[in-house]
Protein backbone atom coordinates (compact mmCIF):
# COMPACT_ATOMS: atom_id res chain seq x y z
CA MET A 1 -12.94 -38.78 -0.44
CA SER A 2 -10.52 -37.79 2.32
CA THR A 3 -9.52 -34.19 2.70
CA LEU A 4 -6.37 -32.61 4.10
CA PRO A 5 -6.76 -29.98 6.80
CA VAL A 6 -5.90 -26.43 5.86
CA ARG A 7 -2.61 -26.62 7.77
CA GLY A 8 -1.69 -29.77 5.88
CA LEU A 9 -2.33 -28.07 2.56
CA SER A 10 -0.16 -25.14 3.57
CA TRP A 11 2.73 -27.40 4.51
CA THR A 12 2.32 -29.26 1.24
CA VAL A 13 2.68 -26.02 -0.71
CA LEU A 14 5.74 -25.04 1.32
CA ARG A 15 7.40 -28.43 0.76
CA LEU A 16 6.69 -28.46 -2.96
CA HIS A 17 8.11 -24.98 -3.40
CA ARG A 18 10.79 -24.99 -0.72
CA SER A 19 13.43 -23.77 -3.19
CA ALA A 20 11.39 -20.64 -3.87
CA VAL A 21 10.82 -20.16 -0.13
CA VAL A 22 14.55 -20.42 0.57
CA LEU A 23 15.34 -18.02 -2.28
CA TRP A 24 12.78 -15.52 -0.98
CA GLY A 25 14.14 -15.78 2.54
CA GLY A 26 17.69 -15.30 1.29
CA ALA A 27 16.70 -12.22 -0.71
CA LEU A 28 14.98 -10.71 2.32
CA LEU A 29 17.99 -11.43 4.52
CA ALA A 30 20.34 -9.81 2.00
CA ALA A 31 18.09 -6.75 1.73
CA THR A 32 17.86 -6.50 5.52
CA VAL A 33 21.63 -6.60 5.98
CA ALA A 34 22.16 -4.07 3.19
CA LEU A 35 19.57 -1.63 4.53
CA ILE A 36 20.85 -1.83 8.10
CA TRP A 37 24.32 -1.08 6.75
CA MET A 38 22.96 1.89 4.80
CA TYR A 39 21.35 3.27 7.92
CA ALA A 40 24.66 2.94 9.74
CA ILE A 41 26.61 4.90 7.11
CA GLY A 42 23.87 7.47 6.52
CA ASP A 43 25.65 10.26 8.39
CA ASP A 44 28.87 9.68 6.44
CA ALA A 45 26.89 9.66 3.19
CA ARG A 46 25.31 13.01 3.97
CA ALA A 47 28.71 14.41 4.89
CA GLY A 48 29.98 13.29 1.49
CA ILE A 49 27.59 15.62 -0.31
CA GLY A 50 27.78 18.42 2.23
CA ALA A 51 29.14 21.91 1.74
CA CYS A 52 32.89 22.47 2.00
CA ALA A 53 35.48 25.20 1.60
CA THR A 54 39.06 25.54 0.38
CA PRO A 55 40.68 26.39 2.69
CA ALA A 56 38.46 25.15 5.50
CA THR A 57 36.53 27.66 7.56
CA GLY A 58 35.12 27.51 11.04
CA GLN A 59 31.78 26.26 9.71
CA LEU A 60 32.83 24.21 6.66
CA PRO A 61 35.30 21.31 6.41
CA PRO A 62 38.03 21.23 3.74
CA CYS A 63 36.80 20.06 0.34
CA SER A 64 39.64 17.54 0.11
CA ALA A 65 38.23 15.72 3.15
CA VAL A 66 34.67 15.82 1.83
CA HIS A 67 35.68 14.57 -1.61
CA ALA A 68 37.56 11.67 -0.02
CA ILE A 69 34.33 10.31 1.47
CA THR A 70 32.97 7.39 -0.56
CA ALA A 71 30.01 6.48 1.63
CA ASP A 72 27.65 8.70 -0.37
CA GLY A 73 28.17 6.69 -3.54
CA ILE A 74 27.75 3.36 -1.76
CA TYR A 75 24.66 4.65 0.03
CA ALA A 76 22.98 6.02 -3.09
CA ASP A 77 23.81 2.99 -5.27
CA THR A 78 22.66 0.45 -2.69
CA LEU A 79 19.36 2.18 -1.99
CA ALA A 80 18.77 2.57 -5.72
CA SER A 81 19.42 -1.15 -6.23
CA VAL A 82 17.04 -2.13 -3.42
CA GLY A 83 14.38 0.21 -4.77
CA THR A 84 14.70 -1.24 -8.27
CA ALA A 85 14.53 -4.80 -6.96
CA VAL A 86 11.35 -4.09 -5.00
CA SER A 87 9.77 -2.25 -7.94
CA TYR A 88 10.38 -5.10 -10.38
CA LEU A 89 9.61 -7.93 -7.95
CA MET A 90 6.24 -8.52 -9.60
CA PHE A 91 7.99 -9.92 -12.71
CA PRO A 92 9.75 -12.93 -11.11
CA VAL A 93 6.72 -13.50 -8.88
CA ALA A 94 4.41 -13.65 -11.90
CA ALA A 95 6.78 -15.95 -13.78
CA TRP A 96 7.08 -18.29 -10.80
CA ALA A 97 3.33 -18.31 -10.14
CA GLY A 98 2.56 -19.10 -13.76
CA GLY A 99 5.34 -21.61 -14.31
CA ALA A 100 5.92 -23.47 -11.05
CA LEU A 101 2.89 -22.73 -8.89
CA THR A 102 0.11 -23.67 -11.31
CA GLY A 103 1.31 -24.32 -14.86
CA ARG A 104 3.77 -27.10 -14.05
CA GLU A 105 1.38 -28.96 -11.74
CA LEU A 106 -1.34 -28.89 -14.39
CA GLU A 107 1.10 -29.94 -17.10
CA THR A 108 2.50 -32.90 -15.15
CA GLY A 109 -0.86 -34.03 -13.82
CA THR A 110 0.10 -33.53 -10.17
CA ALA A 111 -2.87 -31.24 -9.64
CA HIS A 112 -5.33 -33.78 -11.04
CA LEU A 113 -3.88 -36.44 -8.77
CA ASP A 114 -4.44 -34.19 -5.75
CA TRP A 115 -8.01 -33.53 -6.82
CA THR A 116 -8.89 -37.21 -7.03
CA GLN A 117 -7.19 -38.26 -3.80
CA SER A 118 -7.20 -35.58 -1.18
CA VAL A 119 -8.43 -32.09 -1.99
CA THR A 120 -11.00 -30.28 -4.09
CA PRO A 121 -9.80 -28.07 -6.96
CA ALA A 122 -10.97 -24.91 -5.19
CA ARG A 123 -9.04 -25.75 -2.01
CA TRP A 124 -6.00 -26.70 -4.10
CA LEU A 125 -5.96 -23.28 -5.76
CA ALA A 126 -6.76 -21.45 -2.53
CA ALA A 127 -3.76 -23.00 -0.80
CA ARG A 128 -1.48 -22.17 -3.71
CA LEU A 129 -2.51 -18.54 -3.58
CA THR A 130 -2.87 -17.82 0.13
CA VAL A 131 0.45 -19.29 1.30
CA PRO A 132 2.63 -17.41 -1.22
CA ALA A 133 0.49 -14.28 -0.80
CA ALA A 134 1.12 -14.27 2.95
CA LEU A 135 4.87 -14.77 2.56
CA LEU A 136 5.21 -12.25 -0.25
CA ALA A 137 3.05 -9.58 1.36
CA SER A 138 4.74 -9.77 4.76
CA GLY A 139 8.23 -9.93 3.29
CA THR A 140 7.66 -7.06 0.89
CA ALA A 141 6.09 -4.92 3.60
CA ALA A 142 9.12 -5.54 5.82
CA ALA A 143 11.48 -4.59 2.99
CA VAL A 144 9.55 -1.37 2.34
CA LEU A 145 9.63 -0.39 6.02
CA LEU A 146 13.37 -1.05 6.20
CA ASN A 147 13.90 0.90 3.00
CA VAL A 148 12.07 3.93 4.37
CA TRP A 149 13.99 3.64 7.65
CA ALA A 150 17.36 3.45 5.88
CA ARG A 151 16.58 6.52 3.76
CA GLN A 152 16.24 8.60 6.96
CA ASP A 153 15.72 12.26 5.95
CA GLY A 154 15.10 11.32 2.29
CA ASN A 155 17.69 13.71 0.83
CA PRO A 156 16.86 13.55 -2.91
CA ASP A 157 20.52 14.05 -3.81
CA LEU A 158 21.20 10.67 -2.22
CA VAL A 159 17.99 8.67 -2.52
CA GLY A 160 16.19 10.22 -5.50
CA ASP A 161 13.04 12.29 -5.64
CA TRP A 162 9.80 10.81 -4.35
CA TYR A 163 8.22 10.72 -7.79
CA TYR A 164 10.89 8.55 -9.44
CA ALA A 165 9.14 5.30 -10.33
CA ASP A 166 11.42 2.99 -8.34
CA VAL A 167 11.46 5.31 -5.33
CA PHE A 168 7.69 5.73 -5.40
CA VAL A 169 6.88 2.04 -5.57
CA SER A 170 9.49 0.89 -3.04
CA THR A 171 8.55 3.34 -0.28
CA GLY A 172 4.84 2.71 0.13
CA PRO A 173 2.07 0.10 0.25
CA ALA A 174 1.91 -0.01 -3.54
CA ALA A 175 4.92 -2.35 -3.43
CA VAL A 176 2.85 -5.03 -1.70
CA ALA A 177 0.00 -4.56 -4.16
CA HIS A 178 2.42 -4.92 -7.09
CA VAL A 179 3.59 -8.29 -5.80
CA LEU A 180 0.08 -9.58 -5.14
CA ALA A 181 -1.04 -8.51 -8.61
CA GLY A 182 1.92 -10.37 -10.10
CA LEU A 183 1.02 -13.49 -8.12
CA ALA A 184 -2.62 -13.41 -9.24
CA LEU A 185 -1.78 -12.75 -12.89
CA GLY A 186 0.80 -15.52 -12.89
CA ALA A 187 -1.57 -18.05 -11.36
CA LEU A 188 -4.25 -17.14 -13.89
CA ALA A 189 -1.74 -17.52 -16.73
CA GLY A 190 -0.90 -21.02 -15.50
CA LEU A 191 -4.56 -22.01 -15.43
CA LEU A 192 -5.15 -20.58 -18.89
CA THR A 193 -2.24 -22.33 -20.60
CA LYS A 194 -1.76 -25.44 -18.40
CA LYS A 195 1.85 -25.45 -19.62
CA THR A 196 4.97 -24.24 -17.82
CA LEU A 197 6.78 -22.21 -20.46
CA PRO A 198 3.69 -20.68 -22.12
CA ALA A 199 2.44 -19.71 -18.67
CA ILE A 200 5.71 -17.95 -17.87
CA GLY A 201 5.58 -16.07 -21.16
CA LEU A 202 1.95 -15.03 -20.72
CA ALA A 203 2.51 -13.99 -17.10
CA LEU A 204 5.52 -11.86 -18.00
CA ALA A 205 3.67 -10.26 -20.92
CA ALA A 206 0.67 -9.36 -18.75
CA THR A 207 2.92 -8.01 -16.02
CA LEU A 208 4.90 -5.93 -18.50
CA VAL A 209 1.71 -4.35 -19.84
CA LEU A 210 0.57 -3.59 -16.30
CA HIS A 211 3.93 -2.16 -15.26
CA ASN A 212 4.14 0.14 -18.28
CA ALA A 213 0.52 1.25 -17.90
CA LEU A 214 1.17 2.25 -14.30
CA ASP A 215 4.29 4.18 -15.25
CA TRP A 216 2.37 5.99 -17.95
CA TYR A 217 -0.84 6.79 -16.07
CA ARG A 218 0.36 7.02 -12.45
CA THR A 219 0.26 10.81 -12.43
CA SER A 220 -3.39 10.70 -13.55
CA LEU A 221 -4.56 8.76 -10.51
CA TRP A 222 -5.04 11.92 -8.44
CA PRO A 223 -6.06 15.49 -9.37
CA THR A 224 -3.14 17.78 -10.11
CA VAL A 225 -2.47 21.32 -8.93
CA THR A 226 -2.16 24.24 -11.35
CA THR A 227 -0.49 27.48 -10.33
CA THR A 228 0.08 30.74 -12.20
CA GLY A 229 2.32 33.75 -11.86
CA ARG A 230 5.90 33.78 -10.65
CA ALA A 231 5.33 30.59 -8.65
CA ALA A 232 4.90 28.71 -11.93
CA LEU A 233 8.50 29.61 -12.81
CA ASP A 234 9.93 28.50 -9.47
CA LEU A 235 8.39 25.17 -8.57
CA PRO A 236 10.26 23.48 -5.73
CA ARG A 237 12.33 20.41 -6.47
CA SER A 238 9.87 18.31 -4.50
CA ALA A 239 7.13 19.13 -7.04
CA LEU A 240 6.57 16.76 -9.95
CA ASP A 241 6.31 19.18 -12.87
CA LEU A 242 3.90 17.67 -15.40
CA GLU A 243 3.38 20.58 -17.76
CA HIS A 244 4.15 24.27 -17.83
CA GLY A 245 3.85 27.14 -20.23
CA VAL A 246 2.75 30.69 -20.89
CA ILE A 247 -0.46 32.60 -21.47
CA THR A 248 -0.34 35.02 -24.39
CA THR A 249 -2.10 38.37 -24.71
CA THR A 250 -4.82 36.60 -26.70
CA GLY A 251 -5.51 34.24 -23.79
CA GLU A 252 -3.96 31.24 -25.50
CA ARG A 253 -2.10 28.76 -23.33
CA ILE A 254 1.09 27.45 -24.88
CA GLY A 255 2.54 24.41 -23.17
CA ASN A 256 6.19 23.61 -22.56
CA ASN A 257 7.29 27.16 -23.32
CA THR A 258 10.38 28.18 -21.35
CA ALA A 259 10.05 31.91 -21.91
CA CYS A 260 11.23 33.99 -18.93
CA VAL A 261 12.51 30.96 -17.05
CA GLY A 262 15.66 32.05 -15.27
CA SER A 263 14.60 35.66 -14.73
CA ASP A 264 16.30 36.82 -11.54
CA SER A 265 13.81 39.39 -10.31
CA LEU A 266 10.19 40.41 -10.62
CA ALA A 267 11.27 43.35 -12.78
CA ASP A 268 13.07 40.96 -15.13
CA VAL A 269 9.93 38.85 -15.35
CA GLN A 270 7.79 41.89 -16.18
CA ARG A 271 10.19 43.02 -18.90
CA CYS A 272 10.29 39.52 -20.36
CA LYS A 273 6.49 39.31 -20.40
CA SER A 274 6.15 42.66 -22.15
CA SER A 275 8.74 41.86 -24.80
CA SER A 276 7.25 38.42 -25.47
CA ASN A 277 3.56 39.45 -25.59
CA LEU A 278 2.77 37.33 -22.55
CA THR A 279 0.33 37.95 -19.72
CA ASP A 280 1.10 35.11 -17.32
CA PHE A 281 2.73 31.74 -16.70
CA TRP A 282 1.25 28.46 -15.55
CA ALA A 283 2.42 25.08 -14.32
CA THR A 284 0.60 21.85 -13.55
CA TYR A 285 2.23 19.57 -10.99
CA HIS A 286 1.93 17.12 -8.14
CA PRO A 287 3.24 18.50 -4.82
CA ARG A 288 5.05 16.28 -2.32
CA SER A 289 1.80 16.01 -0.34
CA HIS A 290 0.27 13.95 -3.16
CA PHE A 291 2.57 11.01 -2.43
CA TRP A 292 0.08 9.24 -0.17
CA PRO A 293 -3.06 9.84 -2.26
CA LEU A 294 -1.22 8.49 -5.30
CA GLN A 295 0.03 5.53 -3.26
CA PHE A 296 -3.44 4.65 -2.01
CA MET A 297 -4.99 4.99 -5.46
CA GLU A 298 -2.38 2.75 -7.08
CA THR A 299 -2.61 0.25 -4.23
CA GLY A 300 -6.39 0.07 -4.50
CA LEU A 301 -6.26 -0.31 -8.27
CA LEU A 302 -3.75 -3.16 -8.08
CA LEU A 303 -5.59 -4.95 -5.30
CA ALA A 304 -8.80 -4.74 -7.33
CA LEU A 305 -6.94 -6.19 -10.32
CA ALA A 306 -5.50 -8.96 -8.16
CA ALA A 307 -8.97 -9.76 -6.82
CA ALA A 308 -10.42 -9.84 -10.34
CA ALA A 309 -7.63 -12.12 -11.59
CA THR A 310 -8.10 -14.42 -8.59
CA ALA A 311 -11.86 -14.59 -9.10
CA THR A 312 -11.33 -15.36 -12.78
CA ALA A 313 -8.89 -18.12 -11.88
CA PHE A 314 -11.39 -19.78 -9.54
CA TRP A 315 -14.17 -19.44 -12.12
CA LEU A 316 -11.99 -20.97 -14.82
CA LEU A 317 -10.92 -23.84 -12.58
CA ARG A 318 -14.49 -24.56 -11.50
CA ARG A 319 -15.67 -24.57 -15.11
CA ARG A 320 -12.94 -26.97 -16.23
CA THR A 321 -13.41 -29.39 -13.36
CA ALA A 322 -17.21 -29.37 -13.17
């Protein structure tokens, strides 16, 4: 039996799925142009949310001029759209991997023809995973780097807080892991069903479960910080407040209690505590410094899942073709 060289297999995959390659390249080009534009108008966007005065003072511009600036809205909306697109990229990737990459070739018999004429099943699957993985990983990584670059100082009033789901995923290595997990789950769905439409449905369902699980449990991937006292009432905006409450005179902790929030001074806090039979306040949160630990934990988890799905796909293929 003759065998194609690895380079030949790669070109075969690219030719078979050239429409997807062109679409991916077009999406990356559009994102690149948009993000370069956002970087260029960044200063105007920040001016659009800056302080002003009526009438103007020596330090502050007139509010009429500031309110006339529209760059801030364009900047915020475009970056939000790019972030959402990157965050949800795993869904179309999974659907394509399940439907076109594996499911359709098994359904039409193209894969079986390849196995009998030119390539072993294992090499067939390896080529269909490694080529898209390389293109998706490199393209997504480039989009993430451009996104971070375009956000510049990361003003949350313009680009959202770091812990927003779309912002979190689209500004770190987790974005690449999301895409690779979608690819692996989609390919496995295609091998399980051997049909195009069922594979798409199964891939999307699995990806939806994964996406929702990450949203729900992301904050549990790294130990939180708990603070007490006045600091618990005045967490900075950059802190992801998970739970807060009060400690009563009996030592009981009551969560999500807003007593004394808004007290202007320490004396006001003390009076509020005395009148409410409280001894202290507490808050559990993730500080801004937890961004990278959470990123690395989520990335590692998704890469492990992708590896497990890939190993399962090879095992299933080997069992069916033995």
